[in-house]
Protein backbone atom coordinates (compact mmCIF):
# COMPACT_ATOMS: atom_id res chain seq x y z
CA MET A 1 109.32 240.51 127.48
CA ALA A 2 107.24 242.66 125.13
CA SER A 3 108.56 246.07 124.19
CA PHE A 4 105.78 248.63 123.88
CA GLU A 5 105.59 251.67 121.70
CA ILE A 6 105.37 254.67 123.98
CA ARG A 7 104.31 258.29 124.14
CA THR A 8 105.95 260.94 126.29
CA ALA A 9 104.88 264.32 127.60
CA HIS A 10 105.94 267.09 129.93
CA VAL A 11 103.13 267.49 132.45
CA GLN A 12 102.41 269.32 135.68
CA VAL A 13 101.41 267.73 138.97
CA ALA A 14 99.32 269.81 141.36
CA ASN A 15 100.48 269.87 144.98
CA GLY A 16 98.40 272.58 146.62
CA ASP A 17 99.54 275.90 145.16
CA LEU A 18 102.71 274.28 143.81
CA ARG A 19 102.85 272.88 140.29
CA LEU A 20 105.51 270.20 139.89
CA ASP A 21 106.98 269.75 136.45
CA ALA A 22 107.15 266.07 135.55
CA TYR A 23 108.16 263.84 132.66
CA LEU A 24 105.56 261.22 131.78
CA ALA A 25 106.08 258.13 129.62
CA GLU A 26 103.21 255.77 128.80
CA PRO A 27 103.05 252.51 126.85
CA LEU A 28 100.52 252.34 124.05
CA GLY A 29 97.94 249.59 124.30
CA ALA A 30 94.30 248.87 125.02
CA THR A 31 94.84 247.89 128.63
CA LEU A 32 95.68 249.28 132.06
CA PHE A 33 99.29 249.38 133.18
CA PRO A 34 100.97 249.48 136.59
CA ALA A 35 102.72 252.75 137.39
CA VAL A 36 106.19 253.66 138.61
CA ILE A 37 107.55 256.93 140.01
CA VAL A 38 111.15 257.68 139.00
CA ILE A 39 113.02 259.99 141.38
CA GLN A 40 115.89 262.04 140.03
CA GLU A 41 119.47 262.39 141.11
CA ILE A 42 120.63 265.84 142.24
CA PHE A 43 121.10 266.67 138.55
CA GLY A 44 117.38 267.15 137.88
CA VAL A 45 115.05 265.35 135.49
CA ASN A 46 117.85 265.16 132.97
CA ILE A 47 118.48 262.93 129.97
CA HIS A 48 119.41 259.94 132.14
CA ILE A 49 116.25 260.14 134.24
CA ARG A 50 114.09 260.63 131.16
CA ASP A 51 115.76 257.59 129.59
CA VAL A 52 114.99 255.45 132.66
CA THR A 53 111.40 256.68 132.60
CA GLU A 54 111.08 255.68 128.94
CA ARG A 55 112.66 252.27 129.62
CA PHE A 56 109.90 251.54 132.10
CA ALA A 57 107.23 252.60 129.62
CA LYS A 58 108.70 250.30 126.97
CA ALA A 59 108.55 247.49 129.55
CA GLY A 60 104.83 248.07 130.16
CA TYR A 61 104.63 250.63 132.96
CA VAL A 62 103.27 254.14 133.10
CA ALA A 63 106.29 256.02 134.45
CA ILE A 64 106.61 259.55 135.74
CA ALA A 65 109.59 261.56 136.97
CA PRO A 66 108.56 264.57 139.11
CA ALA A 67 110.95 267.51 139.52
CA ILE A 68 111.72 267.40 143.23
CA PHE A 69 113.68 270.68 143.12
CA GLN A 70 110.65 272.61 141.85
CA ARG A 71 110.55 274.92 144.87
CA THR A 72 114.08 276.26 144.42
CA ALA A 73 114.94 275.55 140.79
CA PRO A 74 112.07 275.13 138.31
CA GLY A 75 113.28 273.49 135.10
CA PHE A 76 116.56 272.43 136.71
CA GLU A 77 118.59 270.05 134.56
CA VAL A 78 122.37 269.69 134.49
CA GLY A 79 125.08 267.21 133.58
CA TYR A 80 127.71 265.49 135.69
CA SER A 81 130.62 267.92 135.89
CA GLU A 82 132.07 268.96 139.25
CA ALA A 83 130.59 272.46 138.89
CA GLU A 84 127.14 271.06 138.13
CA LEU A 85 127.47 268.63 141.04
CA LEU A 86 128.01 271.55 143.42
CA VAL A 87 124.91 273.34 142.12
CA GLY A 88 122.81 270.20 142.49
CA ARG A 89 123.99 269.75 146.05
CA GLN A 90 122.94 273.29 146.88
CA HIS A 91 119.36 272.50 145.86
CA LYS A 92 119.40 269.13 147.60
CA GLU A 93 120.38 270.81 150.84
CA GLN A 94 117.27 273.01 150.65
CA THR A 95 114.85 270.08 150.52
CA LYS A 96 112.78 268.84 153.45
CA ALA A 97 111.52 265.30 154.01
CA ALA A 98 107.92 266.39 154.57
CA GLU A 99 107.85 268.39 151.34
CA LEU A 100 109.44 265.56 149.37
CA LEU A 101 106.87 263.09 150.68
CA SER A 102 104.15 265.58 149.83
CA ASP A 103 105.47 265.77 146.25
CA ILE A 104 105.48 261.97 145.93
CA HIS A 105 101.98 261.77 147.37
CA ALA A 106 100.79 264.38 144.86
CA THR A 107 102.43 262.41 142.05
CA ILE A 108 100.55 259.30 143.15
CA ALA A 109 97.30 261.28 143.15
CA TYR A 110 98.07 262.46 139.61
CA LEU A 111 98.73 258.90 138.43
CA LYS A 112 95.37 257.83 139.83
CA THR A 113 93.66 260.28 137.46
CA LEU A 114 95.17 258.69 134.34
CA SER A 115 92.97 256.36 132.33
CA THR A 116 95.97 254.16 131.51
CA VAL A 117 96.93 253.35 135.11
CA LYS A 118 96.03 250.44 137.34
CA GLY A 119 95.27 251.99 140.71
CA ASN A 120 96.15 249.07 142.96
CA GLY A 121 99.55 250.19 144.21
CA PHE A 122 102.58 251.90 142.77
CA GLY A 123 106.28 251.36 142.35
CA CYS A 124 109.04 253.83 143.15
CA ILE A 125 112.66 253.95 142.05
CA GLY A 126 115.29 256.56 142.85
CA PHE A 127 118.97 257.16 142.22
CA CYS A 128 121.61 258.99 144.27
CA PHE A 129 119.67 261.57 146.34
CA GLY A 130 116.59 260.09 144.69
CA GLY A 131 117.55 256.74 146.22
CA HIS A 132 117.29 258.37 149.64
CA VAL A 133 113.96 259.95 148.71
CA ALA A 134 112.72 256.58 147.44
CA TYR A 135 113.52 255.06 150.85
CA LEU A 136 111.36 257.79 152.39
CA ALA A 137 108.62 257.19 149.82
CA ALA A 138 108.55 253.51 150.75
CA THR A 139 106.77 254.58 153.96
CA LEU A 140 103.71 255.71 151.97
CA SER A 141 100.82 253.26 151.98
CA ASP A 142 100.32 253.42 148.19
CA ILE A 143 103.91 252.35 147.46
CA LYS A 144 104.01 248.58 147.09
CA ALA A 145 107.55 248.26 145.74
CA THR A 146 110.64 250.43 146.01
CA ALA A 147 114.05 250.25 144.33
CA SER A 148 116.55 252.48 146.12
CA PHE A 149 119.86 252.99 144.29
CA TYR A 150 122.88 254.23 146.25
CA GLY A 151 120.94 256.64 148.43
CA ALA A 152 123.58 258.47 150.45
CA GLY A 153 122.77 259.58 153.97
CA ILE A 154 119.93 257.15 154.71
CA ALA A 155 121.76 255.94 157.82
CA THR A 156 122.96 259.35 159.01
CA LEU A 157 120.48 262.13 158.18
CA THR A 158 117.14 263.12 156.72
CA PRO A 159 116.43 266.00 154.32
CA GLY A 160 115.81 269.18 156.27
CA GLY A 161 117.06 267.75 159.55
CA GLY A 162 115.77 265.32 162.15
CA LEU A 163 116.30 261.67 162.91
CA PRO A 164 118.06 259.70 160.15
CA THR A 165 115.75 258.27 157.52
CA VAL A 166 116.78 254.72 158.50
CA MET A 167 114.81 255.25 161.72
CA ARG A 168 111.64 255.24 159.62
CA THR A 169 112.28 251.72 158.35
CA PRO A 170 109.47 250.20 160.50
CA GLU A 171 107.00 252.37 158.51
CA ILE A 172 107.83 250.59 155.24
CA GLN A 173 104.79 248.57 154.17
CA GLY A 174 105.75 247.22 150.76
CA THR A 175 108.84 245.47 149.38
CA LEU A 176 112.14 247.34 149.19
CA TYR A 177 115.20 246.44 147.13
CA ALA A 178 118.34 248.46 147.88
CA PHE A 179 121.35 248.62 145.56
CA PHE A 180 124.80 249.77 146.64
CA GLY A 181 128.37 249.86 145.40
CA THR A 182 130.94 248.54 147.85
CA GLN A 183 133.46 251.08 146.52
CA ASP A 184 131.14 254.06 146.96
CA PRO A 185 132.97 256.83 148.89
CA LEU A 186 129.64 258.44 149.81
CA ILE A 187 128.18 255.32 151.47
CA PRO A 188 130.62 253.37 153.67
CA ASN A 189 129.93 249.65 153.87
CA GLU A 190 129.19 250.07 157.58
CA GLN A 191 126.20 252.23 156.64
CA ILE A 192 124.97 249.59 154.21
CA ASP A 193 125.20 247.08 157.06
CA GLN A 194 123.19 249.44 159.26
CA ILE A 195 120.44 249.82 156.67
CA GLU A 196 120.26 246.07 156.11
CA ALA A 197 120.10 245.44 159.86
CA ALA A 198 117.26 247.94 160.21
CA LEU A 199 115.31 246.22 157.44
CA HIS A 200 115.82 242.85 159.12
CA GLN A 201 114.80 244.20 162.51
CA ALA A 202 111.65 245.78 161.07
CA GLN A 203 110.83 242.50 159.32
CA ALA A 204 110.38 244.46 156.12
CA ALA A 205 110.17 242.55 152.85
CA HIS A 206 113.50 243.42 151.32
CA ARG A 207 116.71 242.47 149.56
CA VAL A 208 120.01 244.35 149.66
CA PHE A 209 122.36 244.00 146.68
CA ARG A 210 126.03 244.95 146.81
CA TYR A 211 128.18 245.34 143.71
CA GLU A 212 131.91 245.88 143.35
CA ALA A 213 131.26 249.33 141.97
CA GLY A 214 131.37 253.00 142.86
CA HIS A 215 128.66 255.61 143.23
CA GLY A 216 126.34 256.11 140.27
CA PHE A 217 127.08 252.71 138.73
CA PHE A 218 123.68 252.52 137.03
CA CYS A 219 124.11 255.72 135.00
CA ASP A 220 125.90 255.36 131.68
CA LEU A 221 126.76 259.06 131.69
CA ARG A 222 128.81 258.89 134.88
CA ALA A 223 132.44 257.91 135.37
CA ASP A 224 131.45 255.15 137.80
CA TYR A 225 129.13 253.45 135.30
CA ASN A 226 129.45 249.68 135.60
CA PRO A 227 127.58 247.98 132.75
CA GLU A 228 127.57 244.52 134.35
CA ALA A 229 126.25 245.80 137.68
CA ALA A 230 123.73 248.05 135.92
CA ALA A 231 122.38 245.20 133.80
CA ASP A 232 122.06 242.86 136.77
CA ALA A 233 120.35 245.52 138.88
CA TRP A 234 117.89 246.33 136.07
CA GLU A 235 116.84 242.69 135.84
CA LYS A 236 116.27 242.61 139.61
CA VAL A 237 114.20 245.80 139.46
CA LYS A 238 112.04 244.39 136.68
CA GLN A 239 111.55 241.21 138.71
CA LEU A 240 110.56 243.22 141.79
CA PHE A 241 107.98 245.29 139.95
CA ALA A 242 106.61 242.34 137.98
CA GLU A 243 106.07 240.34 141.17
CA THR A 244 104.55 243.16 143.22
CA LEU A 245 102.77 245.34 140.64
CA GLY A 246 101.81 242.74 138.06
CA GLY A 247 103.82 244.30 135.25
């Protein structure tokens, strides 16, 4: 696969009166590229999320990572210590599903304004809390492909309260790949089974991948990083987006 030279920028996405900070990475080339939205963990649009965004750009996608904690913590970016984890959770607990979906919808609208972007459907990928948000985003009509990584709480709750996000599975219109660690203390295997059963029942195009790994296995800055699982999952994500978005 070709590796593109890229350019990056910090941009703002308009969502009504709110301006979402976002990190944009674009491949250089005289063509149009498919686009992917990268959704952060609870640690903000930090170095790991920016790195993932750039990896997509090098693979031939316009990629953007919106700051989904903009309402409570503009510019929020932390590492992976226990203290920083607690702060991130505080902001996560203030989010609401409707506002998160509004932010993703606004990000899609922003991508449609870019001269480098194919406008025939978008990809979405999220990690940790972002994996949960990505599952929500899969219900949007413009999202053709979703990669949800270890999204805790999908089977048990929704941001801001209400029926669990898994109940919205019949609204998913594109293809969804879900990635979980079987040793993840935040997502019992029974919940993975429940999510997979809901996808089957909804007849959604999907695949569920389980790795002998803990939470956060894709992130090389976390203690649970599993390089073999991360490499395998990355290949599956690239396959998903290539098949559905034409990348």
